[in-house]
Protein backbone atom coordinates (compact mmCIF):
# COMPACT_ATOMS: atom_id res chain seq x y z
CA MET A 1 -32.22 75.78 -169.01
CA PHE A 2 -33.24 72.95 -166.23
CA GLY A 3 -36.10 73.54 -163.70
CA LEU A 4 -35.50 73.34 -160.27
CA THR A 5 -36.48 69.02 -159.87
CA GLN A 6 -34.08 68.45 -163.32
CA LYS A 7 -30.88 70.89 -161.30
CA LEU A 8 -31.51 68.59 -158.60
CA THR A 9 -30.57 65.59 -160.68
CA MET A 10 -27.37 64.83 -162.08
CA PRO A 11 -27.11 64.55 -165.86
CA ARG A 12 -26.22 61.93 -167.57
CA PRO A 13 -22.88 61.91 -169.17
CA ASP A 14 -24.96 61.81 -172.95
CA GLU A 15 -27.34 64.64 -171.51
CA ALA A 16 -24.22 66.98 -170.96
CA LEU A 17 -23.09 69.90 -172.78
CA ALA A 18 -20.61 69.79 -174.83
CA GLY A 19 -18.17 72.54 -173.87
CA ARG A 20 -14.84 73.39 -175.89
CA THR A 21 -11.48 72.28 -176.61
CA ASP A 22 -9.86 75.46 -174.87
CA PRO A 23 -9.69 76.82 -171.32
CA ILE A 24 -11.99 79.77 -170.15
CA PRO A 25 -9.85 82.79 -169.01
CA THR A 26 -9.58 83.46 -165.78
CA ALA A 27 -6.70 85.47 -163.13
CA GLU A 28 -2.97 85.54 -163.67
CA THR A 29 -2.49 86.14 -159.58
CA HIS A 30 -4.58 85.17 -156.04
CA PHE A 31 -5.74 88.76 -155.26
CA VAL A 32 -4.86 87.30 -151.81
CA LEU A 33 -1.82 85.56 -151.39
CA LYS A 34 -0.28 87.23 -154.73
CA ARG A 35 0.96 84.06 -156.44
CA PRO A 36 0.43 82.68 -159.95
CA LEU A 37 -3.11 80.85 -159.66
CA LYS A 38 -1.99 78.51 -162.22
CA GLU A 39 1.67 77.78 -160.46
CA PRO A 40 2.90 74.49 -160.78
CA VAL A 41 2.71 72.56 -157.02
CA GLU A 42 5.88 72.74 -155.59
CA ASN A 43 7.84 69.81 -154.51
CA GLY A 44 6.39 68.75 -151.43
CA HIS A 45 3.21 70.01 -151.52
CA GLU A 46 0.03 68.59 -151.89
CA VAL A 47 -3.74 69.43 -154.07
CA ALA A 48 -6.59 68.96 -151.76
CA ILE A 49 -10.13 69.55 -153.66
CA PHE A 50 -13.20 70.00 -152.00
CA GLY A 51 -16.99 70.86 -152.95
CA MET A 52 -19.10 72.39 -150.09
CA GLY A 53 -21.65 74.84 -151.93
CA CYS A 54 -21.12 78.71 -153.40
CA PHE A 55 -16.93 78.62 -153.76
CA TRP A 56 -16.78 81.80 -152.87
CA GLY A 57 -17.19 81.61 -149.24
CA VAL A 58 -15.25 78.02 -149.26
CA GLU A 59 -12.31 79.39 -150.91
CA ARG A 60 -12.00 82.58 -148.37
CA MET A 61 -11.99 79.45 -145.70
CA PHE A 62 -8.96 77.96 -146.95
CA TRP A 63 -7.23 80.71 -148.13
CA GLN A 64 -7.43 82.12 -144.21
CA LEU A 65 -5.54 78.90 -142.79
CA ASP A 66 -1.80 78.88 -142.25
CA GLY A 67 0.20 76.23 -144.51
CA VAL A 68 -2.30 76.91 -147.03
CA VAL A 69 -0.15 78.53 -150.14
CA ASN A 70 -2.53 78.47 -153.29
CA THR A 71 -6.38 78.34 -153.57
CA ALA A 72 -8.41 78.34 -156.54
CA ALA A 73 -11.96 78.48 -157.65
CA GLY A 74 -13.50 75.96 -160.16
CA TYR A 75 -15.41 73.42 -161.34
CA SER A 76 -14.63 69.32 -161.09
CA ALA A 77 -16.47 65.80 -160.81
CA GLY A 78 -18.68 67.07 -164.27
CA TYR A 79 -18.78 65.99 -167.80
CA THR A 80 -18.43 68.82 -170.00
CA PRO A 81 -15.21 70.29 -170.69
CA ASN A 82 -13.88 73.50 -170.02
CA PRO A 83 -17.36 74.74 -168.77
CA THR A 84 -18.53 78.17 -168.16
CA TYR A 85 -20.08 79.53 -164.85
CA GLU A 86 -22.97 80.17 -166.82
CA GLU A 87 -23.45 76.52 -168.21
CA VAL A 88 -22.61 74.48 -164.73
CA CYS A 89 -25.34 76.20 -163.42
CA THR A 90 -28.16 74.74 -166.01
CA GLY A 91 -27.23 71.69 -164.50
CA LYS A 92 -26.04 70.22 -167.67
CA THR A 93 -22.68 69.71 -167.08
CA GLY A 94 -22.19 67.48 -164.06
CA HIS A 95 -20.03 69.81 -162.44
CA ASN A 96 -19.77 70.46 -158.97
CA GLU A 97 -18.62 74.33 -157.62
CA VAL A 98 -14.83 73.34 -155.67
CA VAL A 99 -12.21 74.69 -154.05
CA ARG A 100 -8.34 73.68 -155.49
CA VAL A 101 -6.22 73.43 -152.11
CA VAL A 102 -2.77 73.88 -152.52
CA TYR A 103 -0.62 73.34 -149.05
CA ASP A 104 2.01 72.74 -147.00
CA PRO A 105 2.11 69.06 -145.22
CA LEU A 106 4.64 70.62 -143.04
CA ARG A 107 2.58 73.51 -141.84
CA ILE A 108 -1.13 72.21 -141.76
CA SER A 109 -2.36 68.54 -142.60
CA TYR A 110 -4.91 66.95 -144.85
CA ALA A 111 -6.88 66.27 -141.69
CA GLU A 112 -7.33 69.64 -140.72
CA LEU A 113 -7.98 70.38 -144.23
CA LEU A 114 -10.64 67.63 -143.94
CA LYS A 115 -12.12 69.21 -140.25
CA THR A 116 -12.47 72.51 -142.22
CA PHE A 117 -14.45 70.67 -144.58
CA TRP A 118 -17.03 69.23 -142.87
CA GLU A 119 -17.12 71.95 -139.84
CA GLY A 120 -17.83 74.35 -142.97
CA HIS A 121 -20.70 73.32 -144.42
CA ASP A 122 -23.71 70.81 -143.61
CA PRO A 123 -22.83 67.62 -145.02
CA THR A 124 -26.51 66.27 -144.93
CA GLN A 125 -28.35 68.65 -147.84
CA GLY A 126 -27.91 66.71 -150.93
CA MET A 127 -28.09 69.07 -154.20
CA ARG A 128 -27.89 72.47 -152.05
CA GLN A 129 -26.34 74.22 -148.81
CA GLY A 130 -29.00 76.62 -147.73
CA ASN A 131 -30.89 78.62 -150.29
CA ASP A 132 -28.20 77.23 -152.68
CA ARG A 133 -30.02 74.91 -154.87
CA GLY A 134 -28.32 72.73 -157.70
CA THR A 135 -26.28 69.95 -158.23
CA GLN A 136 -23.07 72.69 -158.50
CA TYR A 137 -23.68 72.94 -154.77
CA ARG A 138 -23.57 69.06 -153.37
CA SER A 139 -21.23 68.12 -150.65
CA GLY A 140 -17.72 66.56 -152.14
CA ILE A 141 -14.40 65.36 -150.82
CA TYR A 142 -12.37 64.60 -154.53
CA TYR A 143 -9.43 62.83 -153.64
CA SER A 144 -5.47 62.92 -155.28
CA ASP A 145 -4.07 59.69 -153.68
CA GLY A 146 -5.13 56.79 -151.41
CA LEU A 147 -4.26 58.32 -148.55
CA GLN A 148 -6.79 61.09 -148.92
CA ARG A 149 -9.18 58.61 -150.15
CA ILE A 150 -8.41 56.69 -146.39
CA GLU A 151 -8.16 60.15 -144.53
CA ALA A 152 -11.74 60.96 -145.99
CA GLU A 153 -13.51 58.07 -145.66
CA THR A 154 -12.57 57.55 -142.34
CA THR A 155 -13.91 61.11 -140.95
CA LEU A 156 -16.73 60.50 -143.03
CA ALA A 157 -17.67 57.40 -140.83
CA ALA A 158 -16.62 59.40 -137.94
CA TYR A 159 -18.68 61.73 -139.02
CA SER A 160 -21.87 60.12 -140.04
CA ALA A 161 -22.23 58.83 -136.50
CA LYS A 162 -22.28 61.55 -134.78
CA LEU A 163 -24.61 63.26 -136.51
CA GLU A 164 -26.94 60.05 -136.76
CA ASP A 165 -26.46 60.39 -132.20
CA ALA A 166 -27.54 64.15 -132.60
CA GLY A 167 -30.70 62.92 -134.37
CA TYR A 168 -29.63 64.61 -138.14
CA GLY A 169 -29.90 63.27 -141.49
CA ALA A 170 -27.36 61.01 -143.34
CA ILE A 171 -24.58 63.04 -144.86
CA SER A 172 -24.93 62.81 -148.72
CA THR A 173 -21.16 63.68 -149.50
CA GLU A 174 -18.99 62.48 -152.45
CA VAL A 175 -16.14 60.55 -151.72
CA LEU A 176 -14.63 60.41 -155.65
CA PRO A 177 -11.04 60.38 -157.18
CA ALA A 178 -10.01 64.07 -158.54
CA GLY A 179 -10.81 64.47 -161.82
CA GLU A 180 -10.28 67.23 -163.92
CA PHE A 181 -10.11 70.80 -162.72
CA TYR A 182 -11.20 73.76 -164.06
CA PHE A 183 -10.35 76.88 -163.27
CA ALA A 184 -13.17 79.78 -163.30
CA GLU A 185 -13.94 82.74 -164.67
CA ALA A 186 -11.44 85.66 -163.07
CA HIS A 187 -14.25 87.40 -161.58
CA HIS A 188 -15.07 84.26 -159.34
CA GLN A 189 -11.41 83.77 -158.04
CA GLN A 190 -11.08 85.54 -154.59
CA TYR A 191 -14.69 86.71 -154.36
CA LEU A 192 -15.56 88.13 -151.28
CA ALA A 193 -11.71 89.64 -151.15
CA LYS A 194 -12.43 91.66 -153.77
CA ASN A 195 -15.76 91.94 -153.09
CA PRO A 196 -16.37 91.96 -148.89
CA ALA A 197 -20.22 92.73 -148.86
CA GLY A 198 -21.00 90.32 -151.35
CA TYR A 199 -22.99 87.34 -150.25
CA CYS A 200 -22.62 84.07 -149.70
CA GLY A 201 -24.06 81.33 -147.61
CA ILE A 202 -21.03 79.35 -146.46
CA GLY A 203 -17.92 80.67 -144.74
CA GLY A 204 -19.22 82.30 -141.68
CA THR A 205 -22.46 84.14 -142.55
CA GLY A 206 -24.73 81.31 -143.46
CA VAL A 207 -24.13 77.00 -143.42
CA THR A 208 -22.27 75.08 -141.25
CA CYS A 209 -21.63 71.69 -139.85
CA PRO A 210 -24.90 70.98 -137.56
CA ILE A 211 -22.54 70.57 -134.74
CA GLY A 212 -19.54 71.02 -134.36
CA LEU A 213 -17.88 67.70 -133.69
CA GLY A 214 -14.69 67.79 -132.93
CA VAL A 215 -13.42 64.47 -134.70
CA ALA A 216 -9.96 65.00 -137.39
């Protein structure tokens, strides 16, 4: 395993673990929403991917929103194909813990999802969220198209200005095209619904944005 200092630094592609050809097993059905976890995205629905720290609490934030029709915990923005949780935690895959959100834009907008993103974690912490440290806990928005990119960058600028005015540090959120999304193992899916007493520093029990900014 990497030491702490190495885990806070992204690996180069040539340093990444080899991974595997086949996807790792995951859950068949969303534990809360009762929908097939890997169901095709319906016509008119859209996908958003966010990294905000521990994906257990992040996923719960989003499945509770009216207009969100499916969520899944997984890994993205790295190099290793079909990584396992243990591999991601070494810091040698480059992946982030992320949540894939499928939503109905007639019921909830991407701007509203971004508001949950920005105000649901502290985007100034770099390669960590609270006590969770490592490259897999970095803040990230992974956009599906040009419109999502524009909205993400616009809100990043607005929140950056507000945080700077309030005396906080610079936002470290990465805004990148959505790459391959890999579903996490079954026990990570909807973890806090299956384990209500489970700890997670994100999503009502720990880290949030330093100030409620009212920007969307």
